[in-house]
Amino acid sequence: MKKFAKIILGCAGALALSASAASAAVVCNEDGDCWRTKTKYDYKPEFGVRVYSDDWRWDDSEKDRYRWREAREERGYWSKGVWIDF
């Protein structure tokens, strides 16, 4: 019975880790600024951002279009080179 409980706890821990990793995202604005976020927010359409999965990468042909920006802990987005809280 103890062995079964350990297996269940191990599975629950693995599921919790995978669920938290799935909540991360890459967000890019219309200017090509991209940043990582640990939380998926509901961005309004007027913010002009697109949300991608955490493993999203731009193609080599798009390397001049996109650039990484600093990831921020605050809820917000990059616009015209400025961080805007919401």
C-alpha atoms as a PDB file:
ATOM      1  CA  MET A   1       0.000   0.000   0.000  1.00  0.00           C
ATOM      2  CA  LYS A   2       2.871   2.397   0.789  1.00  0.00           C
ATOM      3  CA  LYS A   3       4.422   1.644  -2.584  1.00  0.00           C
ATOM      4  CA  PHE A   4       1.127   2.445  -4.324  1.00  0.00           C
ATOM      5  CA  ALA A   5       0.864   5.751  -2.410  1.00  0.00           C
ATOM      6  CA  LYS A   6       4.399   6.707  -3.475  1.00  0.00           C
ATOM      7  CA  ILE A   7       3.570   5.979  -7.112  1.00  0.00           C
ATOM      8  CA  ILE A   8       0.417   8.100  -6.911  1.00  0.00           C
ATOM      9  CA  LEU A   9       2.317  10.979  -5.266  1.00  0.00           C
ATOM     10  CA  GLY A  10       5.060  10.738  -7.897  1.00  0.00           C
ATOM     11  CA  CYS A  11       2.523  10.886 -10.717  1.00  0.00           C
ATOM     12  CA  ALA A  12       0.745  13.837  -9.095  1.00  0.00           C
ATOM     13  CA  GLY A  13       4.065  15.681  -8.750  1.00  0.00           C
ATOM     14  CA  ALA A  14       4.952  15.061 -12.381  1.00  0.00           C
ATOM     15  CA  LEU A  15       1.534  16.287 -13.463  1.00  0.00           C
ATOM     16  CA  ALA A  16       1.898  19.446 -11.369  1.00  0.00           C
ATOM     17  CA  LEU A  17       5.285  20.189 -12.925  1.00  0.00           C
ATOM     18  CA  SER A  18       4.009  19.661 -16.449  1.00  0.00           C
ATOM     19  CA  ALA A  19       0.954  21.852 -15.770  1.00  0.00           C
ATOM     20  CA  SER A  20       3.104  24.757 -14.564  1.00  0.00           C
ATOM     21  CA  ALA A  21       5.424  24.438 -17.558  1.00  0.00           C
ATOM     22  CA  ALA A  22       2.433  24.488 -19.891  1.00  0.00           C
ATOM     23  CA  SER A  23       1.305  27.829 -18.481  1.00  0.00           C
ATOM     24  CA  ALA A  24       4.380  29.634 -19.824  1.00  0.00           C
ATOM     25  CA  ALA A  25       4.159  31.488 -23.118  1.00  0.00           C
ATOM     26  CA  VAL A  26       6.034  33.619 -25.630  1.00  0.00           C
ATOM     27  CA  VAL A  27       4.343  36.908 -26.479  1.00  0.00           C
ATOM     28  CA  CYS A  28       5.260  39.107 -29.463  1.00  0.00           C
ATOM     29  CA  ASN A  29       3.962  42.537 -30.394  1.00  0.00           C
ATOM     30  CA  GLU A  30       3.466  44.089 -33.834  1.00  0.00           C
ATOM     31  CA  ASP A  31       6.945  45.663 -33.657  1.00  0.00           C
ATOM     32  CA  GLY A  32       8.602  42.234 -33.355  1.00  0.00           C
ATOM     33  CA  ASP A  33       9.447  42.544 -29.654  1.00  0.00           C
ATOM     34  CA  CYS A  34       9.078  39.132 -27.981  1.00  0.00           C
ATOM     35  CA  TRP A  35       9.245  38.176 -24.332  1.00  0.00           C
ATOM     36  CA  ARG A  36       8.505  35.200 -22.113  1.00  0.00           C
ATOM     37  CA  THR A  37       5.785  35.173 -19.510  1.00  0.00           C
ATOM     38  CA  LYS A  38       5.162  32.636 -16.763  1.00  0.00           C
ATOM     39  CA  THR A  39       1.426  33.331 -16.843  1.00  0.00           C
ATOM     40  CA  LYS A  40      -0.926  33.415 -19.807  1.00  0.00           C
ATOM     41  CA  TYR A  41      -2.855  36.655 -19.591  1.00  0.00           C
ATOM     42  CA  ASP A  42      -5.918  37.685 -21.555  1.00  0.00           C
ATOM     43  CA  TYR A  43      -4.412  40.367 -23.771  1.00  0.00           C
ATOM     44  CA  LYS A  44      -6.924  42.741 -25.335  1.00  0.00           C
ATOM     45  CA  PRO A  45      -6.905  42.830 -29.162  1.00  0.00           C
ATOM     46  CA  GLU A  46      -5.967  46.528 -29.112  1.00  0.00           C
ATOM     47  CA  PHE A  47      -2.658  45.605 -27.429  1.00  0.00           C
ATOM     48  CA  GLY A  48      -1.552  44.158 -30.775  1.00  0.00           C
ATOM     49  CA  VAL A  49       0.204  41.099 -29.352  1.00  0.00           C
ATOM     50  CA  ARG A  50       0.184  37.425 -30.270  1.00  0.00           C
ATOM     51  CA  VAL A  51       0.616  34.658 -27.715  1.00  0.00           C
ATOM     52  CA  TYR A  52       2.551  31.538 -28.656  1.00  0.00           C
ATOM     53  CA  SER A  53       3.439  28.349 -26.821  1.00  0.00           C
ATOM     54  CA  ASP A  54       6.595  28.418 -24.712  1.00  0.00           C
ATOM     55  CA  ASP A  55       8.564  26.467 -27.322  1.00  0.00           C
ATOM     56  CA  TRP A  56       7.754  28.898 -30.164  1.00  0.00           C
ATOM     57  CA  ARG A  57      10.745  30.231 -32.115  1.00  0.00           C
ATOM     58  CA  TRP A  58      10.958  32.424 -35.157  1.00  0.00           C
ATOM     59  CA  ASP A  59      12.434  31.009 -38.356  1.00  0.00           C
ATOM     60  CA  ASP A  60      15.898  31.979 -39.539  1.00  0.00           C
ATOM     61  CA  SER A  61      14.252  33.943 -42.347  1.00  0.00           C
ATOM     62  CA  GLU A  62      12.485  36.083 -39.690  1.00  0.00           C
ATOM     63  CA  LYS A  63      15.558  36.874 -37.553  1.00  0.00           C
ATOM     64  CA  ASP A  64      15.571  40.517 -38.692  1.00  0.00           C
ATOM     65  CA  ARG A  65      11.902  40.925 -37.774  1.00  0.00           C
ATOM     66  CA  TYR A  66      11.954  39.650 -34.173  1.00  0.00           C
ATOM     67  CA  ARG A  67      14.080  40.351 -31.101  1.00  0.00           C
ATOM     68  CA  TRP A  68      13.936  39.248 -27.476  1.00  0.00           C
ATOM     69  CA  ARG A  69      12.928  41.769 -24.819  1.00  0.00           C
ATOM     70  CA  GLU A  70      13.409  41.473 -21.099  1.00  0.00           C
ATOM     71  CA  ALA A  71      10.898  39.194 -19.398  1.00  0.00           C
ATOM     72  CA  ARG A  72       8.966  41.117 -16.763  1.00  0.00           C
ATOM     73  CA  GLU A  73       7.253  39.914 -13.606  1.00  0.00           C
ATOM     74  CA  GLU A  74       4.567  42.586 -13.873  1.00  0.00           C
ATOM     75  CA  ARG A  75       1.412  42.046 -15.890  1.00  0.00           C
ATOM     76  CA  GLY A  76       1.755  44.038 -19.087  1.00  0.00           C
ATOM     77  CA  TYR A  77       3.236  44.140 -22.564  1.00  0.00           C
ATOM     78  CA  TRP A  78       5.915  45.833 -24.680  1.00  0.00           C
ATOM     79  CA  SER A  79       4.767  48.553 -27.097  1.00  0.00           C
ATOM     80  CA  LYS A  80       7.039  50.871 -29.102  1.00  0.00           C
ATOM     81  CA  GLY A  81       9.977  49.890 -26.872  1.00  0.00           C
ATOM     82  CA  VAL A  82       8.167  50.735 -23.618  1.00  0.00           C
ATOM     83  CA  TRP A  83       6.696  48.347 -21.038  1.00  0.00           C
ATOM     84  CA  ILE A  84       3.020  49.097 -20.358  1.00  0.00           C
ATOM     85  CA  ASP A  85       1.360  47.687 -17.231  1.00  0.00           C
ATOM     86  CA  PHE A  86      -2.268  46.605 -17.323  1.00  0.00           C
END
